[in-house]
C-alpha atoms as a PDB file:
ATOM      1  CA  MET A   1     -19.437  21.889  -7.247  1.00  0.00           C
ATOM      2  CA  ARG A   2     -20.138  22.602 -10.880  1.00  0.00           C
ATOM      3  CA  ASP A   3     -18.168  20.046 -12.842  1.00  0.00           C
ATOM      4  CA  LEU A   4     -15.484  17.350 -12.792  1.00  0.00           C
ATOM      5  CA  GLU A   5     -12.657  19.861 -13.307  1.00  0.00           C
ATOM      6  CA  GLU A   6     -13.722  21.872 -10.290  1.00  0.00           C
ATOM      7  CA  LEU A   7     -14.209  18.751  -8.191  1.00  0.00           C
ATOM      8  CA  LEU A   8     -10.770  17.348  -9.039  1.00  0.00           C
ATOM      9  CA  ALA A   9      -9.104  20.715  -8.455  1.00  0.00           C
ATOM     10  CA  SER A  10     -10.725  21.146  -5.042  1.00  0.00           C
ATOM     11  CA  GLN A  11      -9.552  17.707  -3.825  1.00  0.00           C
ATOM     12  CA  PRO A  12     -12.368  17.211  -1.309  1.00  0.00           C
ATOM     13  CA  THR A  13     -11.818  15.445   1.978  1.00  0.00           C
ATOM     14  CA  LEU A  14     -13.937  12.455   2.920  1.00  0.00           C
ATOM     15  CA  GLU A  15     -16.187  14.921   4.738  1.00  0.00           C
ATOM     16  CA  GLY A  16     -16.523  16.924   1.525  1.00  0.00           C
ATOM     17  CA  PHE A  17     -17.327  13.824  -0.522  1.00  0.00           C
ATOM     18  CA  ASP A  18     -19.897  12.818   2.101  1.00  0.00           C
ATOM     19  CA  ARG A  19     -21.564  16.232   1.930  1.00  0.00           C
ATOM     20  CA  LEU A  20     -21.641  16.156  -1.878  1.00  0.00           C
ATOM     21  CA  ALA A  21     -23.122  12.648  -1.914  1.00  0.00           C
ATOM     22  CA  ARG A  22     -25.875  13.634   0.503  1.00  0.00           C
ATOM     23  CA  GLN A  23     -26.718  16.737  -1.561  1.00  0.00           C
ATOM     24  CA  GLY A  24     -26.576  14.836  -4.828  1.00  0.00           C
ATOM     25  CA  VAL A  25     -24.338  15.544  -7.783  1.00  0.00           C
ATOM     26  CA  PRO A  26     -25.584  16.748 -11.161  1.00  0.00           C
ATOM     27  CA  ARG A  27     -26.081  14.118 -13.844  1.00  0.00           C
ATOM     28  CA  GLN A  28     -23.601  16.063 -15.990  1.00  0.00           C
ATOM     29  CA  LEU A  29     -20.818  14.778 -13.712  1.00  0.00           C
ATOM     30  CA  VAL A  30     -21.447  11.247 -14.992  1.00  0.00           C
ATOM     31  CA  ASP A  31     -21.025  12.450 -18.595  1.00  0.00           C
ATOM     32  CA  GLU A  32     -17.806  14.267 -17.738  1.00  0.00           C
ATOM     33  CA  LEU A  33     -16.440  11.285 -15.822  1.00  0.00           C
ATOM     34  CA  ALA A  34     -17.241   8.927 -18.689  1.00  0.00           C
ATOM     35  CA  ASN A  35     -15.532  11.319 -21.097  1.00  0.00           C
ATOM     36  CA  ALA A  36     -12.439  11.636 -18.877  1.00  0.00           C
ATOM     37  CA  LEU A  37     -12.184   7.847 -18.621  1.00  0.00           C
ATOM     38  CA  GLY A  38     -12.846   7.331 -22.324  1.00  0.00           C
ATOM     39  CA  VAL A  39     -15.855   5.089 -21.712  1.00  0.00           C
ATOM     40  CA  ARG A  40     -19.538   5.277 -22.543  1.00  0.00           C
ATOM     41  CA  ILE A  41     -22.289   5.933 -20.005  1.00  0.00           C
ATOM     42  CA  VAL A  42     -23.519   2.395 -20.549  1.00  0.00           C
ATOM     43  CA  LYS A  43     -20.278   1.149 -18.953  1.00  0.00           C
ATOM     44  CA  LEU A  44     -20.566   3.433 -15.901  1.00  0.00           C
ATOM     45  CA  ALA A  45     -24.281   2.905 -15.238  1.00  0.00           C
ATOM     46  CA  PRO A  46     -23.988  -0.573 -13.664  1.00  0.00           C
ATOM     47  CA  LEU A  47     -21.119   0.645 -11.478  1.00  0.00           C
ATOM     48  CA  VAL A  48     -23.378   3.303  -9.975  1.00  0.00           C
ATOM     49  CA  HIS A  49     -26.226   0.774  -9.645  1.00  0.00           C
ATOM     50  CA  THR A  50     -28.594   2.248 -12.172  1.00  0.00           C
ATOM     51  CA  SER A  51     -29.349   1.804 -15.851  1.00  0.00           C
ATOM     52  CA  SER A  52     -28.085   4.005 -18.636  1.00  0.00           C
ATOM     53  CA  ARG A  53     -31.719   4.514 -19.618  1.00  0.00           C
ATOM     54  CA  THR A  54     -32.505   5.904 -16.162  1.00  0.00           C
ATOM     55  CA  LEU A  55     -29.473   8.207 -16.327  1.00  0.00           C
ATOM     56  CA  ARG A  56     -30.592   9.519 -19.719  1.00  0.00           C
ATOM     57  CA  ARG A  57     -33.922  10.558 -18.215  1.00  0.00           C
ATOM     58  CA  TYR A  58     -32.193  13.117 -16.001  1.00  0.00           C
ATOM     59  CA  ARG A  59     -31.502  16.630 -17.269  1.00  0.00           C
ATOM     60  CA  SER A  60     -27.784  17.432 -17.172  1.00  0.00           C
ATOM     61  CA  ASP A  61     -28.260  19.828 -14.237  1.00  0.00           C
ATOM     62  CA  GLN A  62     -30.635  17.550 -12.317  1.00  0.00           C
ATOM     63  CA  LEU A  63     -29.241  16.097  -9.095  1.00  0.00           C
ATOM     64  CA  LEU A  64     -28.835  12.346  -8.769  1.00  0.00           C
ATOM     65  CA  SER A  65     -30.032  10.498  -5.684  1.00  0.00           C
ATOM     66  CA  PRO A  66     -27.623  10.298  -2.744  1.00  0.00           C
ATOM     67  CA  ASP A  67     -27.018   6.575  -3.404  1.00  0.00           C
ATOM     68  CA  VAL A  68     -26.111   7.069  -7.046  1.00  0.00           C
ATOM     69  CA  SER A  69     -24.153  10.242  -6.215  1.00  0.00           C
ATOM     70  CA  GLU A  70     -22.116   8.307  -3.645  1.00  0.00           C
ATOM     71  CA  ARG A  71     -21.152   5.690  -6.208  1.00  0.00           C
ATOM     72  CA  VAL A  72     -20.263   8.320  -8.810  1.00  0.00           C
ATOM     73  CA  LEU A  73     -18.102  10.104  -6.243  1.00  0.00           C
ATOM     74  CA  GLN A  74     -16.350   6.848  -5.341  1.00  0.00           C
ATOM     75  CA  ILE A  75     -15.225   6.559  -8.955  1.00  0.00           C
ATOM     76  CA  VAL A  76     -14.231  10.243  -9.008  1.00  0.00           C
ATOM     77  CA  ARG A  77     -12.209   9.702  -5.833  1.00  0.00           C
ATOM     78  CA  VAL A  78     -10.338   6.750  -7.366  1.00  0.00           C
ATOM     79  CA  PHE A  79      -9.812   8.678 -10.617  1.00  0.00           C
ATOM     80  CA  SER A  80      -8.397  11.586  -8.630  1.00  0.00           C
ATOM     81  CA  GLN A  81      -6.072   9.312  -6.651  1.00  0.00           C
ATOM     82  CA  SER A  82      -4.902   7.464  -9.756  1.00  0.00           C
ATOM     83  CA  THR A  83      -4.276  10.775 -11.548  1.00  0.00           C
ATOM     84  CA  GLU A  84      -2.045  11.855  -8.694  1.00  0.00           C
ATOM     85  CA  VAL A  85      -0.201   8.536  -8.341  1.00  0.00           C
ATOM     86  CA  LEU A  86       0.260   7.961 -12.074  1.00  0.00           C
ATOM     87  CA  GLU A  87       0.965  11.641 -12.763  1.00  0.00           C
ATOM     88  CA  GLY A  88      -1.655  12.400 -15.371  1.00  0.00           C
ATOM     89  CA  ARG A  89      -5.274  11.943 -16.301  1.00  0.00           C
ATOM     90  CA  GLU A  90      -4.588  10.076 -19.525  1.00  0.00           C
ATOM     91  CA  LYS A  91      -2.334   7.588 -17.728  1.00  0.00           C
ATOM     92  CA  ALA A  92      -4.920   7.218 -14.976  1.00  0.00           C
ATOM     93  CA  ALA A  93      -7.714   6.594 -17.485  1.00  0.00           C
ATOM     94  CA  ARG A  94      -5.638   3.971 -19.313  1.00  0.00           C
ATOM     95  CA  TRP A  95      -4.736   2.262 -16.036  1.00  0.00           C
ATOM     96  CA  LEU A  96      -8.343   2.249 -14.806  1.00  0.00           C
ATOM     97  CA  THR A  97      -9.740   0.863 -18.060  1.00  0.00           C
ATOM     98  CA  GLY A  98      -7.015  -1.683 -18.814  1.00  0.00           C
ATOM     99  CA  LYS A  99      -6.477  -5.160 -17.395  1.00  0.00           C
ATOM    100  CA  ASN A 100      -4.437  -5.136 -14.208  1.00  0.00           C
ATOM    101  CA  ARG A 101      -2.432  -8.251 -13.349  1.00  0.00           C
ATOM    102  CA  ALA A 102      -2.287  -7.525  -9.623  1.00  0.00           C
ATOM    103  CA  LEU A 103      -6.086  -7.248  -9.469  1.00  0.00           C
ATOM    104  CA  ASN A 104      -6.658  -9.882 -12.131  1.00  0.00           C
ATOM    105  CA  ALA A 105      -9.342  -7.535 -13.422  1.00  0.00           C
ATOM    106  CA  VAL A 106      -9.972  -4.161 -15.010  1.00  0.00           C
ATOM    107  CA  PRO A 107      -9.892  -1.664 -12.104  1.00  0.00           C
ATOM    108  CA  LEU A 108     -12.906   0.307 -13.332  1.00  0.00           C
ATOM    109  CA  GLU A 109     -15.020  -2.848 -13.484  1.00  0.00           C
ATOM    110  CA  LEU A 110     -14.384  -3.488  -9.774  1.00  0.00           C
ATOM    111  CA  MET A 111     -15.807  -0.154  -8.699  1.00  0.00           C
ATOM    112  CA  GLY A 112     -19.400  -1.306  -8.391  1.00  0.00           C
ATOM    113  CA  THR A 113     -18.807  -2.232  -4.740  1.00  0.00           C
ATOM    114  CA  VAL A 114     -16.989  -0.568  -1.850  1.00  0.00           C
ATOM    115  CA  PHE A 115     -14.798  -3.663  -1.604  1.00  0.00           C
ATOM    116  CA  GLY A 116     -13.745  -3.348  -5.232  1.00  0.00           C
ATOM    117  CA  VAL A 117     -12.989   0.332  -4.704  1.00  0.00           C
ATOM    118  CA  GLU A 118     -10.821  -0.543  -1.703  1.00  0.00           C
ATOM    119  CA  ARG A 119      -8.947  -3.172  -3.736  1.00  0.00           C
ATOM    120  CA  VAL A 120      -8.182  -0.599  -6.429  1.00  0.00           C
ATOM    121  CA  LEU A 121      -7.111   2.012  -3.856  1.00  0.00           C
ATOM    122  CA  GLN A 122      -4.897  -0.596  -2.185  1.00  0.00           C
ATOM    123  CA  ILE A 123      -3.060  -1.278  -5.468  1.00  0.00           C
ATOM    124  CA  LEU A 124      -2.717   2.459  -6.086  1.00  0.00           C
ATOM    125  CA  GLY A 125      -1.196   2.790  -2.616  1.00  0.00           C
ATOM    126  CA  ARG A 126       1.288   0.049  -3.433  1.00  0.00           C
ATOM    127  CA  ILE A 127       2.209   1.792  -6.692  1.00  0.00           C
ATOM    128  CA  GLU A 128       2.583   5.100  -4.872  1.00  0.00           C
ATOM    129  CA  HIS A 129       4.951   3.552  -2.353  1.00  0.00           C
ATOM    130  CA  THR A 130       6.715   1.475  -5.023  1.00  0.00           C
ATOM    131  CA  VAL A 131       5.637  -1.848  -3.557  1.00  0.00           C
ATOM    132  CA  TYR A 132       5.173  -3.993  -6.624  1.00  0.00           C
ATOM    133  CA  SER A 133       2.454  -6.621  -6.702  1.00  0.00           C
END
């Protein structure tokens, strides 16, 4: 896996995401994800349980720890799913960074825990199957 484009195009299975998390993803993926979502690194850092200062210490090609990689990949997985459901990356980014009435929160801000990720995926599933919340 070289970059976000390649990762999104390959649509990894859970097994693939697990393998990538254990290997570690390059720090550059965080930059690309932040860019795709239209947010700054400082907004993503707490969601992946690290500081933006710590992230800046990594070279772009340096691999993140498995724990941080797992959290980054959780956000990538939700971004991928929302892109598919909402039919476009720009729509997905707007949806993830805007207030959601069904969640009573901004979806991206919930992604610091597995439970928040599941809540966001649940709403995406409802949207996909046209079950309005």
